[in-house]
């Protein structure tokens, strides 16, 4: 096998052949740099075999898609990169119909969105096991969950954290009512796992004088939630996603969900079961990589794309090189 590998990036014409012509797909975009071998060892029988990688079309998923593509290539496969599929349901569709072979998916998305359950399971391991068992019926094999958990959370600027000695959501009850101000996006304002049941769970119900008065809640778009929380003029507590790069960029601190209200969204590699059985070593390669993906790592990688404007492929490549999973034959990897 050559020490330098290339990955085929799927364009619109090829996508149409995957029975998704009506979904408005865009090319995976950018590029995937050539890679050299690192700690990821080739899988027996992989040389010359095609493997299709999928991902959704937002920053974190694009990065994870490129990580999956690079891992697959390092494992010896001829990779077709089908990253950047617009939406969860179309991505799930091509995995369930086995038109793609691997993607990184979240346990909460599978359990609540695809499998139709109304509530998550509070224990992370049990949540993953439930998804793994249910998806076996769809010919999908779940690998072990990564440490990262991209779920909902609330964050605050350091001034508020220090003033009230806060660590968890339960500590909001220590904050004077007039300072219990929240910024949330419109969807979170009405979700069954959104702000209203969250405030009930933590004993500070919405619309009550000793809980959170209605006027203390501002509905903003996603980007504005982060900046409004950081500047403190509109709110002290903002709804965030735990792996978002704007959290460290704006010096926000995530409060611990100590009552385990929010569903778990641990990411895990998901393989077409036929492919997993044909190449039993393949899942080991994905798990080798995914076990190094924690919240802080994803925050840093997302930051480089969303704040610094870098390409997801380059960000994924640099991280894979820095971890020793692959090498850079051109010596052009950037420091993360």
C-alpha atoms as a PDB file:
ATOM      1  CA  UNK A   1       0.000   0.000   0.000  1.00  0.00           C
ATOM      2  CA  UNK A   2       1.234   3.509  -0.818  1.00  0.00           C
ATOM      3  CA  UNK A   3       2.220   5.619   2.169  1.00  0.00           C
ATOM      4  CA  UNK A   4       0.414   8.614   0.666  1.00  0.00           C
ATOM      5  CA  UNK A   5      -3.361   8.344   0.429  1.00  0.00           C
ATOM      6  CA  UNK A   6      -5.981  10.490  -1.302  1.00  0.00           C
ATOM      7  CA  UNK A   7      -9.701  10.614  -0.596  1.00  0.00           C
ATOM      8  CA  UNK A   8     -12.337  11.076  -3.286  1.00  0.00           C
ATOM      9  CA  UNK A   9     -14.655  13.971  -2.424  1.00  0.00           C
ATOM     10  CA  UNK A  10     -18.141  13.362  -3.720  1.00  0.00           C
ATOM     11  CA  UNK A  11     -19.714  16.024  -5.931  1.00  0.00           C
ATOM     12  CA  UNK A  12     -23.282  16.689  -6.988  1.00  0.00           C
ATOM     13  CA  UNK A  13     -23.264  14.317  -9.941  1.00  0.00           C
ATOM     14  CA  UNK A  14     -22.132  11.373  -7.869  1.00  0.00           C
ATOM     15  CA  UNK A  15     -24.555  12.205  -5.086  1.00  0.00           C
ATOM     16  CA  UNK A  16     -27.441  11.873  -7.513  1.00  0.00           C
ATOM     17  CA  UNK A  17     -26.540   8.253  -8.055  1.00  0.00           C
ATOM     18  CA  UNK A  18     -27.138   7.644  -4.355  1.00  0.00           C
ATOM     19  CA  UNK A  19     -30.871   8.330  -4.744  1.00  0.00           C
ATOM     20  CA  UNK A  20     -30.664  11.663  -2.975  1.00  0.00           C
ATOM     21  CA  UNK A  21     -31.003  13.980  -5.923  1.00  0.00           C
ATOM     22  CA  UNK A  22     -34.024  15.720  -4.411  1.00  0.00           C
ATOM     23  CA  UNK A  23     -32.352  16.602  -1.107  1.00  0.00           C
ATOM     24  CA  UNK A  24     -30.372  19.622  -2.300  1.00  0.00           C
ATOM     25  CA  UNK A  25     -26.974  18.157  -1.466  1.00  0.00           C
ATOM     26  CA  UNK A  26     -23.853  20.225  -1.950  1.00  0.00           C
ATOM     27  CA  UNK A  27     -20.366  18.891  -2.582  1.00  0.00           C
ATOM     28  CA  UNK A  28     -18.393  17.950   0.513  1.00  0.00           C
ATOM     29  CA  UNK A  29     -16.308  20.964  -0.375  1.00  0.00           C
ATOM     30  CA  UNK A  30     -12.732  21.915   0.358  1.00  0.00           C
ATOM     31  CA  UNK A  31     -10.326  19.031   0.094  1.00  0.00           C
ATOM     32  CA  UNK A  32      -8.761  16.292   2.140  1.00  0.00           C
ATOM     33  CA  UNK A  33      -4.954  16.531   2.314  1.00  0.00           C
ATOM     34  CA  UNK A  34      -2.731  13.617   1.404  1.00  0.00           C
ATOM     35  CA  UNK A  35      -1.835  11.567   4.446  1.00  0.00           C
ATOM     36  CA  UNK A  36       0.934   9.251   5.520  1.00  0.00           C
ATOM     37  CA  UNK A  37       0.667   6.325   7.885  1.00  0.00           C
ATOM     38  CA  UNK A  38       0.746   6.867  11.635  1.00  0.00           C
ATOM     39  CA  UNK A  39      -0.542   4.766  14.513  1.00  0.00           C
ATOM     40  CA  UNK A  40      -3.663   3.673  12.611  1.00  0.00           C
ATOM     41  CA  UNK A  41      -2.746   0.330  11.084  1.00  0.00           C
ATOM     42  CA  UNK A  42      -4.206  -0.964   7.810  1.00  0.00           C
ATOM     43  CA  UNK A  43      -7.144  -3.360   8.054  1.00  0.00           C
ATOM     44  CA  UNK A  44      -6.597  -6.754   6.492  1.00  0.00           C
ATOM     45  CA  UNK A  45      -8.290  -6.975   3.095  1.00  0.00           C
ATOM     46  CA  UNK A  46      -9.042  -3.250   2.863  1.00  0.00           C
ATOM     47  CA  UNK A  47      -6.753  -2.359  -0.014  1.00  0.00           C
ATOM     48  CA  UNK A  48      -8.741  -1.490  -3.116  1.00  0.00           C
ATOM     49  CA  UNK A  49     -12.099  -1.697  -1.282  1.00  0.00           C
ATOM     50  CA  UNK A  50     -14.432   1.304  -1.425  1.00  0.00           C
ATOM     51  CA  UNK A  51     -15.852   2.832   1.744  1.00  0.00           C
ATOM     52  CA  UNK A  52     -18.348   5.728   1.766  1.00  0.00           C
ATOM     53  CA  UNK A  53     -18.226   8.219   4.651  1.00  0.00           C
ATOM     54  CA  UNK A  54     -21.211  10.438   5.501  1.00  0.00           C
ATOM     55  CA  UNK A  55     -21.773  13.452   7.736  1.00  0.00           C
ATOM     56  CA  UNK A  56     -24.334  16.186   8.307  1.00  0.00           C
ATOM     57  CA  UNK A  57     -23.696  19.737   7.168  1.00  0.00           C
ATOM     58  CA  UNK A  58     -22.774  21.784  10.261  1.00  0.00           C
ATOM     59  CA  UNK A  59     -19.311  22.528  11.572  1.00  0.00           C
ATOM     60  CA  UNK A  60     -18.839  19.763  14.118  1.00  0.00           C
ATOM     61  CA  UNK A  61     -20.250  17.117  11.796  1.00  0.00           C
ATOM     62  CA  UNK A  62     -18.061  18.287   8.920  1.00  0.00           C
ATOM     63  CA  UNK A  63     -15.005  17.936  11.156  1.00  0.00           C
ATOM     64  CA  UNK A  64     -16.114  14.490  12.317  1.00  0.00           C
ATOM     65  CA  UNK A  65     -16.812  13.474   8.728  1.00  0.00           C
ATOM     66  CA  UNK A  66     -13.274  14.428   7.722  1.00  0.00           C
ATOM     67  CA  UNK A  67     -11.900  12.554  10.745  1.00  0.00           C
ATOM     68  CA  UNK A  68     -13.862   9.473   9.653  1.00  0.00           C
ATOM     69  CA  UNK A  69     -12.595   9.844   6.078  1.00  0.00           C
ATOM     70  CA  UNK A  70      -8.983  10.188   7.176  1.00  0.00           C
ATOM     71  CA  UNK A  71      -9.300   7.246   9.559  1.00  0.00           C
ATOM     72  CA  UNK A  72     -10.829   5.082   6.839  1.00  0.00           C
ATOM     73  CA  UNK A  73      -8.096   6.014   4.390  1.00  0.00           C
ATOM     74  CA  UNK A  74      -5.352   5.320   6.927  1.00  0.00           C
ATOM     75  CA  UNK A  75      -6.997   1.927   7.515  1.00  0.00           C
ATOM     76  CA  UNK A  76      -6.385   1.140   3.833  1.00  0.00           C
ATOM     77  CA  UNK A  77      -9.742   1.782   2.140  1.00  0.00           C
ATOM     78  CA  UNK A  78     -10.513   3.712  -1.037  1.00  0.00           C
ATOM     79  CA  UNK A  79     -12.639   6.425   0.545  1.00  0.00           C
ATOM     80  CA  UNK A  80     -15.504   8.371  -0.978  1.00  0.00           C
ATOM     81  CA  UNK A  81     -16.247  11.408   1.196  1.00  0.00           C
ATOM     82  CA  UNK A  82     -19.965  12.209   1.339  1.00  0.00           C
ATOM     83  CA  UNK A  83     -19.717  14.835   4.052  1.00  0.00           C
ATOM     84  CA  UNK A  84     -22.057  17.854   4.114  1.00  0.00           C
ATOM     85  CA  UNK A  85     -25.477  16.182   3.757  1.00  0.00           C
ATOM     86  CA  UNK A  86     -28.123  18.808   4.633  1.00  0.00           C
ATOM     87  CA  UNK A  87     -29.945  17.531   7.684  1.00  0.00           C
ATOM     88  CA  UNK A  88     -30.131  14.664  10.102  1.00  0.00           C
ATOM     89  CA  UNK A  89     -32.902  12.702   8.406  1.00  0.00           C
ATOM     90  CA  UNK A  90     -31.243  12.491   4.955  1.00  0.00           C
ATOM     91  CA  UNK A  91     -27.997  11.415   6.619  1.00  0.00           C
ATOM     92  CA  UNK A  92     -29.815   8.765   8.605  1.00  0.00           C
ATOM     93  CA  UNK A  93     -31.590   7.643   5.429  1.00  0.00           C
ATOM     94  CA  UNK A  94     -28.446   6.859   3.493  1.00  0.00           C
ATOM     95  CA  UNK A  95     -26.997   5.004   6.489  1.00  0.00           C
ATOM     96  CA  UNK A  96     -30.178   3.000   7.080  1.00  0.00           C
ATOM     97  CA  UNK A  97     -30.320   2.066   3.378  1.00  0.00           C
ATOM     98  CA  UNK A  98     -26.583   1.269   3.437  1.00  0.00           C
ATOM     99  CA  UNK A  99     -25.729   3.712   0.672  1.00  0.00           C
ATOM    100  CA  UNK A 100     -23.028   4.985   3.012  1.00  0.00           C
ATOM    101  CA  UNK A 101     -20.864   2.844   5.258  1.00  0.00           C
ATOM    102  CA  UNK A 102     -19.887   4.962   8.248  1.00  0.00           C
ATOM    103  CA  UNK A 103     -20.646   8.194  10.049  1.00  0.00           C
ATOM    104  CA  UNK A 104     -20.339   9.684  13.519  1.00  0.00           C
ATOM    105  CA  UNK A 105     -23.723   9.985  15.210  1.00  0.00           C
ATOM    106  CA  UNK A 106     -24.991  11.176  18.584  1.00  0.00           C
ATOM    107  CA  UNK A 107     -26.760   8.840  20.980  1.00  0.00           C
ATOM    108  CA  UNK A 108     -29.425  11.437  21.804  1.00  0.00           C
ATOM    109  CA  UNK A 109     -30.166  12.130  18.132  1.00  0.00           C
ATOM    110  CA  UNK A 110     -30.664   8.451  17.415  1.00  0.00           C
ATOM    111  CA  UNK A 111     -32.793   7.790  20.493  1.00  0.00           C
ATOM    112  CA  UNK A 112     -35.028  10.869  20.368  1.00  0.00           C
ATOM    113  CA  UNK A 113     -35.112  11.836  16.679  1.00  0.00           C
ATOM    114  CA  UNK A 114     -34.800   8.587  14.725  1.00  0.00           C
ATOM    115  CA  UNK A 115     -36.138   6.009  17.171  1.00  0.00           C
ATOM    116  CA  UNK A 116     -38.942   8.271  18.396  1.00  0.00           C
ATOM    117  CA  UNK A 117     -38.542   8.162  22.182  1.00  0.00           C
ATOM    118  CA  UNK A 118     -39.814  11.114  24.166  1.00  0.00           C
ATOM    119  CA  UNK A 119     -37.153  11.119  26.875  1.00  0.00           C
ATOM    120  CA  UNK A 120     -33.486  10.257  27.067  1.00  0.00           C
ATOM    121  CA  UNK A 121     -31.949   7.767  29.472  1.00  0.00           C
ATOM    122  CA  UNK A 122     -30.066   9.506  32.268  1.00  0.00           C
ATOM    123  CA  UNK A 123     -27.144   7.076  32.411  1.00  0.00           C
ATOM    124  CA  UNK A 124     -24.777   7.651  29.458  1.00  0.00           C
ATOM    125  CA  UNK A 125     -23.715   4.027  29.150  1.00  0.00           C
ATOM    126  CA  UNK A 126     -27.285   2.734  29.302  1.00  0.00           C
ATOM    127  CA  UNK A 127     -28.334   5.329  26.722  1.00  0.00           C
ATOM    128  CA  UNK A 128     -25.641   4.117  24.331  1.00  0.00           C
ATOM    129  CA  UNK A 129     -26.526   0.468  24.949  1.00  0.00           C
ATOM    130  CA  UNK A 130     -30.204   1.162  24.231  1.00  0.00           C
ATOM    131  CA  UNK A 131     -29.351   2.879  20.933  1.00  0.00           C
ATOM    132  CA  UNK A 132     -26.883   0.149  19.990  1.00  0.00           C
ATOM    133  CA  UNK A 133     -29.452  -2.581  20.568  1.00  0.00           C
ATOM    134  CA  UNK A 134     -32.282  -0.768  18.773  1.00  0.00           C
ATOM    135  CA  UNK A 135     -30.208   0.140  15.716  1.00  0.00           C
ATOM    136  CA  UNK A 136     -29.053  -3.442  15.243  1.00  0.00           C
ATOM    137  CA  UNK A 137     -32.477  -4.028  13.679  1.00  0.00           C
ATOM    138  CA  UNK A 138     -31.613  -1.433  11.016  1.00  0.00           C
ATOM    139  CA  UNK A 139     -28.320  -3.089  10.117  1.00  0.00           C
ATOM    140  CA  UNK A 140     -26.270  -0.476  11.940  1.00  0.00           C
ATOM    141  CA  UNK A 141     -23.465  -1.284  14.357  1.00  0.00           C
ATOM    142  CA  UNK A 142     -22.513   1.270  17.003  1.00  0.00           C
ATOM    143  CA  UNK A 143     -18.977   1.593  18.254  1.00  0.00           C
ATOM    144  CA  UNK A 144     -18.131   2.708  21.779  1.00  0.00           C
ATOM    145  CA  UNK A 145     -19.174   6.273  22.658  1.00  0.00           C
ATOM    146  CA  UNK A 146     -16.590   9.034  22.726  1.00  0.00           C
ATOM    147  CA  UNK A 147     -16.081  11.079  25.914  1.00  0.00           C
ATOM    148  CA  UNK A 148     -17.527  14.152  24.195  1.00  0.00           C
ATOM    149  CA  UNK A 149     -21.176  14.942  24.893  1.00  0.00           C
ATOM    150  CA  UNK A 150     -22.571  17.705  22.683  1.00  0.00           C
ATOM    151  CA  UNK A 151     -25.716  18.412  24.640  1.00  0.00           C
ATOM    152  CA  UNK A 152     -27.566  21.498  25.795  1.00  0.00           C
ATOM    153  CA  UNK A 153     -26.148  23.420  28.717  1.00  0.00           C
ATOM    154  CA  UNK A 154     -26.139  26.844  30.336  1.00  0.00           C
ATOM    155  CA  UNK A 155     -23.040  28.969  30.564  1.00  0.00           C
ATOM    156  CA  UNK A 156     -22.176  32.185  32.374  1.00  0.00           C
ATOM    157  CA  UNK A 157     -19.370  34.724  32.283  1.00  0.00           C
ATOM    158  CA  UNK A 158     -16.678  34.378  34.914  1.00  0.00           C
ATOM    159  CA  UNK A 159     -17.823  37.427  36.876  1.00  0.00           C
ATOM    160  CA  UNK A 160     -21.131  35.736  37.728  1.00  0.00           C
ATOM    161  CA  UNK A 161     -19.452  32.406  38.442  1.00  0.00           C
ATOM    162  CA  UNK A 162     -17.083  34.052  40.925  1.00  0.00           C
ATOM    163  CA  UNK A 163     -19.654  36.374  42.515  1.00  0.00           C
ATOM    164  CA  UNK A 164     -21.945  33.531  43.562  1.00  0.00           C
ATOM    165  CA  UNK A 165     -19.468  30.656  43.798  1.00  0.00           C
ATOM    166  CA  UNK A 166     -21.263  28.741  41.053  1.00  0.00           C
ATOM    167  CA  UNK A 167     -20.409  25.295  39.684  1.00  0.00           C
ATOM    168  CA  UNK A 168     -23.752  23.732  38.749  1.00  0.00           C
ATOM    169  CA  UNK A 169     -27.249  24.593  37.589  1.00  0.00           C
ATOM    170  CA  UNK A 170     -28.476  24.037  41.132  1.00  0.00           C
ATOM    171  CA  UNK A 171     -26.398  27.062  42.141  1.00  0.00           C
ATOM    172  CA  UNK A 172     -28.677  29.360  40.126  1.00  0.00           C
ATOM    173  CA  UNK A 173     -31.033  29.172  43.119  1.00  0.00           C
ATOM    174  CA  UNK A 174     -28.388  31.096  45.088  1.00  0.00           C
ATOM    175  CA  UNK A 175     -28.540  34.006  42.642  1.00  0.00           C
ATOM    176  CA  UNK A 176     -30.968  36.856  43.465  1.00  0.00           C
ATOM    177  CA  UNK A 177     -34.151  36.643  41.407  1.00  0.00           C
ATOM    178  CA  UNK A 178     -33.468  39.887  39.575  1.00  0.00           C
ATOM    179  CA  UNK A 179     -30.166  38.455  38.320  1.00  0.00           C
ATOM    180  CA  UNK A 180     -31.634  35.126  37.161  1.00  0.00           C
ATOM    181  CA  UNK A 181     -31.704  36.324  33.567  1.00  0.00           C
ATOM    182  CA  UNK A 182     -31.598  33.871  30.658  1.00  0.00           C
ATOM    183  CA  UNK A 183     -30.966  34.016  26.922  1.00  0.00           C
ATOM    184  CA  UNK A 184     -32.297  31.100  24.867  1.00  0.00           C
ATOM    185  CA  UNK A 185     -33.096  30.395  21.222  1.00  0.00           C
ATOM    186  CA  UNK A 186     -36.716  30.073  20.125  1.00  0.00           C
ATOM    187  CA  UNK A 187     -36.689  26.281  19.711  1.00  0.00           C
ATOM    188  CA  UNK A 188     -35.257  25.740  23.194  1.00  0.00           C
ATOM    189  CA  UNK A 189     -37.952  28.016  24.580  1.00  0.00           C
ATOM    190  CA  UNK A 190     -40.626  25.449  23.662  1.00  0.00           C
ATOM    191  CA  UNK A 191     -38.841  22.078  23.635  1.00  0.00           C
ATOM    192  CA  UNK A 192     -39.913  19.248  25.941  1.00  0.00           C
ATOM    193  CA  UNK A 193     -36.304  19.178  27.088  1.00  0.00           C
ATOM    194  CA  UNK A 194     -36.066  22.975  27.004  1.00  0.00           C
ATOM    195  CA  UNK A 195     -36.025  25.803  29.477  1.00  0.00           C
ATOM    196  CA  UNK A 196     -39.430  25.341  31.141  1.00  0.00           C
ATOM    197  CA  UNK A 197     -38.963  21.767  32.373  1.00  0.00           C
ATOM    198  CA  UNK A 198     -35.320  22.551  33.126  1.00  0.00           C
ATOM    199  CA  UNK A 199     -36.297  25.387  35.460  1.00  0.00           C
ATOM    200  CA  UNK A 200     -38.924  23.146  37.093  1.00  0.00           C
ATOM    201  CA  UNK A 201     -36.320  20.433  37.637  1.00  0.00           C
ATOM    202  CA  UNK A 202     -34.024  22.896  39.374  1.00  0.00           C
ATOM    203  CA  UNK A 203     -36.735  24.366  41.592  1.00  0.00           C
ATOM    204  CA  UNK A 204     -36.880  27.832  40.044  1.00  0.00           C
ATOM    205  CA  UNK A 205     -40.003  27.620  37.843  1.00  0.00           C
ATOM    206  CA  UNK A 206     -40.686  30.081  35.069  1.00  0.00           C
ATOM    207  CA  UNK A 207     -43.202  32.850  35.589  1.00  0.00           C
ATOM    208  CA  UNK A 208     -43.064  32.851  39.381  1.00  0.00           C
ATOM    209  CA  UNK A 209     -41.811  35.721  41.560  1.00  0.00           C
ATOM    210  CA  UNK A 210     -39.436  33.458  43.505  1.00  0.00           C
ATOM    211  CA  UNK A 211     -38.341  31.458  40.444  1.00  0.00           C
ATOM    212  CA  UNK A 212     -37.631  33.088  37.081  1.00  0.00           C
ATOM    213  CA  UNK A 213     -40.000  35.933  36.148  1.00  0.00           C
ATOM    214  CA  UNK A 214     -41.171  35.925  32.530  1.00  0.00           C
ATOM    215  CA  UNK A 215     -39.389  39.204  31.821  1.00  0.00           C
ATOM    216  CA  UNK A 216     -36.081  37.585  32.785  1.00  0.00           C
ATOM    217  CA  UNK A 217     -36.066  35.368  29.682  1.00  0.00           C
ATOM    218  CA  UNK A 218     -34.917  36.753  26.321  1.00  0.00           C
ATOM    219  CA  UNK A 219     -35.439  34.877  23.032  1.00  0.00           C
ATOM    220  CA  UNK A 220     -32.499  35.407  20.663  1.00  0.00           C
ATOM    221  CA  UNK A 221     -30.900  33.705  17.686  1.00  0.00           C
ATOM    222  CA  UNK A 222     -28.121  31.224  18.409  1.00  0.00           C
ATOM    223  CA  UNK A 223     -25.133  33.473  17.802  1.00  0.00           C
ATOM    224  CA  UNK A 224     -26.632  36.317  19.796  1.00  0.00           C
ATOM    225  CA  UNK A 225     -27.154  34.052  22.821  1.00  0.00           C
ATOM    226  CA  UNK A 226     -23.402  33.576  23.166  1.00  0.00           C
ATOM    227  CA  UNK A 227     -22.468  37.238  22.772  1.00  0.00           C
ATOM    228  CA  UNK A 228     -25.310  38.464  24.999  1.00  0.00           C
ATOM    229  CA  UNK A 229     -24.246  36.078  27.742  1.00  0.00           C
ATOM    230  CA  UNK A 230     -20.640  37.207  27.438  1.00  0.00           C
ATOM    231  CA  UNK A 231     -21.400  40.923  27.626  1.00  0.00           C
ATOM    232  CA  UNK A 232     -23.944  40.482  30.435  1.00  0.00           C
ATOM    233  CA  UNK A 233     -26.273  43.312  29.402  1.00  0.00           C
ATOM    234  CA  UNK A 234     -29.203  41.073  28.433  1.00  0.00           C
ATOM    235  CA  UNK A 235     -28.626  37.942  30.487  1.00  0.00           C
ATOM    236  CA  UNK A 236     -26.355  36.201  32.959  1.00  0.00           C
ATOM    237  CA  UNK A 237     -27.072  32.664  31.766  1.00  0.00           C
ATOM    238  CA  UNK A 238     -27.114  31.549  28.147  1.00  0.00           C
ATOM    239  CA  UNK A 239     -28.189  28.342  26.454  1.00  0.00           C
ATOM    240  CA  UNK A 240     -25.175  26.768  24.729  1.00  0.00           C
ATOM    241  CA  UNK A 241     -24.019  23.544  23.150  1.00  0.00           C
ATOM    242  CA  UNK A 242     -21.257  22.011  25.219  1.00  0.00           C
ATOM    243  CA  UNK A 243     -18.742  21.544  22.369  1.00  0.00           C
ATOM    244  CA  UNK A 244     -19.250  24.970  20.781  1.00  0.00           C
ATOM    245  CA  UNK A 245     -16.008  26.833  20.100  1.00  0.00           C
ATOM    246  CA  UNK A 246     -17.539  30.132  21.172  1.00  0.00           C
ATOM    247  CA  UNK A 247     -17.554  28.974  24.806  1.00  0.00           C
ATOM    248  CA  UNK A 248     -13.775  29.305  25.269  1.00  0.00           C
ATOM    249  CA  UNK A 249     -13.565  32.125  22.724  1.00  0.00           C
ATOM    250  CA  UNK A 250     -15.886  34.283  24.847  1.00  0.00           C
ATOM    251  CA  UNK A 251     -14.504  33.061  28.195  1.00  0.00           C
ATOM    252  CA  UNK A 252     -17.795  31.459  29.210  1.00  0.00           C
ATOM    253  CA  UNK A 253     -18.045  28.692  31.798  1.00  0.00           C
ATOM    254  CA  UNK A 254     -20.498  25.808  31.432  1.00  0.00           C
ATOM    255  CA  UNK A 255     -22.516  24.989  34.558  1.00  0.00           C
ATOM    256  CA  UNK A 256     -22.704  21.329  35.478  1.00  0.00           C
ATOM    257  CA  UNK A 257     -26.085  19.686  34.886  1.00  0.00           C
ATOM    258  CA  UNK A 258     -25.960  18.097  38.341  1.00  0.00           C
ATOM    259  CA  UNK A 259     -29.536  16.754  38.188  1.00  0.00           C
ATOM    260  CA  UNK A 260     -28.898  15.166  34.764  1.00  0.00           C
ATOM    261  CA  UNK A 261     -31.788  16.945  33.098  1.00  0.00           C
ATOM    262  CA  UNK A 262     -30.402  17.206  29.568  1.00  0.00           C
ATOM    263  CA  UNK A 263     -30.257  14.160  27.265  1.00  0.00           C
ATOM    264  CA  UNK A 264     -26.856  12.702  26.422  1.00  0.00           C
ATOM    265  CA  UNK A 265     -25.431  13.330  22.974  1.00  0.00           C
ATOM    266  CA  UNK A 266     -22.239  11.281  23.050  1.00  0.00           C
ATOM    267  CA  UNK A 267     -20.884  10.779  19.565  1.00  0.00           C
ATOM    268  CA  UNK A 268     -19.921   7.304  18.357  1.00  0.00           C
ATOM    269  CA  UNK A 269     -18.813   5.722  15.081  1.00  0.00           C
ATOM    270  CA  UNK A 270     -21.697   3.913  13.379  1.00  0.00           C
ATOM    271  CA  UNK A 271     -20.972   1.308  10.711  1.00  0.00           C
ATOM    272  CA  UNK A 272     -23.060  -0.557   8.180  1.00  0.00           C
ATOM    273  CA  UNK A 273     -23.268  -3.950   9.940  1.00  0.00           C
ATOM    274  CA  UNK A 274     -22.321  -5.840   6.783  1.00  0.00           C
ATOM    275  CA  UNK A 275     -19.143  -3.769   6.538  1.00  0.00           C
ATOM    276  CA  UNK A 276     -18.438  -4.209  10.269  1.00  0.00           C
ATOM    277  CA  UNK A 277     -18.722  -7.995   9.934  1.00  0.00           C
ATOM    278  CA  UNK A 278     -16.673  -8.156   6.753  1.00  0.00           C
ATOM    279  CA  UNK A 279     -13.838  -6.118   8.299  1.00  0.00           C
ATOM    280  CA  UNK A 280     -13.960  -6.801  12.057  1.00  0.00           C
ATOM    281  CA  UNK A 281     -10.856  -4.693  12.726  1.00  0.00           C
ATOM    282  CA  UNK A 282     -12.380  -1.575  11.193  1.00  0.00           C
ATOM    283  CA  UNK A 283     -14.435  -0.499  14.200  1.00  0.00           C
ATOM    284  CA  UNK A 284     -11.294  -0.718  16.320  1.00  0.00           C
ATOM    285  CA  UNK A 285      -9.706   1.957  14.133  1.00  0.00           C
ATOM    286  CA  UNK A 286     -12.621   4.356  14.559  1.00  0.00           C
ATOM    287  CA  UNK A 287     -12.740   3.749  18.312  1.00  0.00           C
ATOM    288  CA  UNK A 288      -8.991   4.333  18.538  1.00  0.00           C
ATOM    289  CA  UNK A 289      -9.628   7.848  17.269  1.00  0.00           C
ATOM    290  CA  UNK A 290     -13.000   8.603  18.876  1.00  0.00           C
ATOM    291  CA  UNK A 291     -11.781   7.858  22.398  1.00  0.00           C
ATOM    292  CA  UNK A 292      -9.607  10.976  22.145  1.00  0.00           C
ATOM    293  CA  UNK A 293     -12.591  13.209  21.327  1.00  0.00           C
ATOM    294  CA  UNK A 294     -13.704  15.041  24.464  1.00  0.00           C
ATOM    295  CA  UNK A 295     -15.620  18.304  24.859  1.00  0.00           C
ATOM    296  CA  UNK A 296     -12.503  20.458  25.135  1.00  0.00           C
ATOM    297  CA  UNK A 297     -11.028  18.959  21.968  1.00  0.00           C
ATOM    298  CA  UNK A 298     -14.213  19.583  19.974  1.00  0.00           C
ATOM    299  CA  UNK A 299     -14.452  23.128  21.332  1.00  0.00           C
ATOM    300  CA  UNK A 300     -10.952  23.810  20.027  1.00  0.00           C
ATOM    301  CA  UNK A 301     -11.614  22.215  16.643  1.00  0.00           C
ATOM    302  CA  UNK A 302     -14.978  23.954  16.222  1.00  0.00           C
ATOM    303  CA  UNK A 303     -13.346  27.250  17.210  1.00  0.00           C
ATOM    304  CA  UNK A 304     -10.812  26.982  14.422  1.00  0.00           C
ATOM    305  CA  UNK A 305     -13.612  26.620  11.861  1.00  0.00           C
ATOM    306  CA  UNK A 306     -16.312  28.915  13.268  1.00  0.00           C
ATOM    307  CA  UNK A 307     -14.142  31.698  14.669  1.00  0.00           C
ATOM    308  CA  UNK A 308     -10.882  31.510  12.721  1.00  0.00           C
ATOM    309  CA  UNK A 309     -12.475  30.508   9.415  1.00  0.00           C
ATOM    310  CA  UNK A 310     -10.354  27.429   8.686  1.00  0.00           C
ATOM    311  CA  UNK A 311     -11.431  24.488   6.537  1.00  0.00           C
ATOM    312  CA  UNK A 312     -12.910  21.484   8.419  1.00  0.00           C
ATOM    313  CA  UNK A 313     -10.682  19.136   6.413  1.00  0.00           C
ATOM    314  CA  UNK A 314      -7.503  20.954   7.429  1.00  0.00           C
ATOM    315  CA  UNK A 315      -8.600  21.193  11.067  1.00  0.00           C
ATOM    316  CA  UNK A 316      -9.364  17.459  11.173  1.00  0.00           C
ATOM    317  CA  UNK A 317      -6.081  16.650   9.419  1.00  0.00           C
ATOM    318  CA  UNK A 318      -4.000  18.771  11.799  1.00  0.00           C
ATOM    319  CA  UNK A 319      -5.602  17.145  14.844  1.00  0.00           C
ATOM    320  CA  UNK A 320      -5.109  13.629  13.467  1.00  0.00           C
ATOM    321  CA  UNK A 321      -1.445  14.424  12.823  1.00  0.00           C
ATOM    322  CA  UNK A 322      -0.982  15.978  16.268  1.00  0.00           C
ATOM    323  CA  UNK A 323      -2.354  12.799  17.861  1.00  0.00           C
ATOM    324  CA  UNK A 324      -0.064  10.610  15.760  1.00  0.00           C
ATOM    325  CA  UNK A 325      -2.925   8.781  14.049  1.00  0.00           C
ATOM    326  CA  UNK A 326      -1.578   9.809  10.635  1.00  0.00           C
ATOM    327  CA  UNK A 327       1.451  11.698   9.365  1.00  0.00           C
ATOM    328  CA  UNK A 328       1.798  14.653   7.048  1.00  0.00           C
ATOM    329  CA  UNK A 329       3.924  13.605   4.050  1.00  0.00           C
ATOM    330  CA  UNK A 330       4.300  17.257   3.052  1.00  0.00           C
ATOM    331  CA  UNK A 331       5.062  18.579   6.520  1.00  0.00           C
ATOM    332  CA  UNK A 332       2.330  21.191   6.182  1.00  0.00           C
ATOM    333  CA  UNK A 333       0.084  20.451   9.154  1.00  0.00           C
ATOM    334  CA  UNK A 334      -0.732  23.477  11.245  1.00  0.00           C
ATOM    335  CA  UNK A 335      -0.605  23.565  15.003  1.00  0.00           C
ATOM    336  CA  UNK A 336      -4.047  23.225  16.637  1.00  0.00           C
END
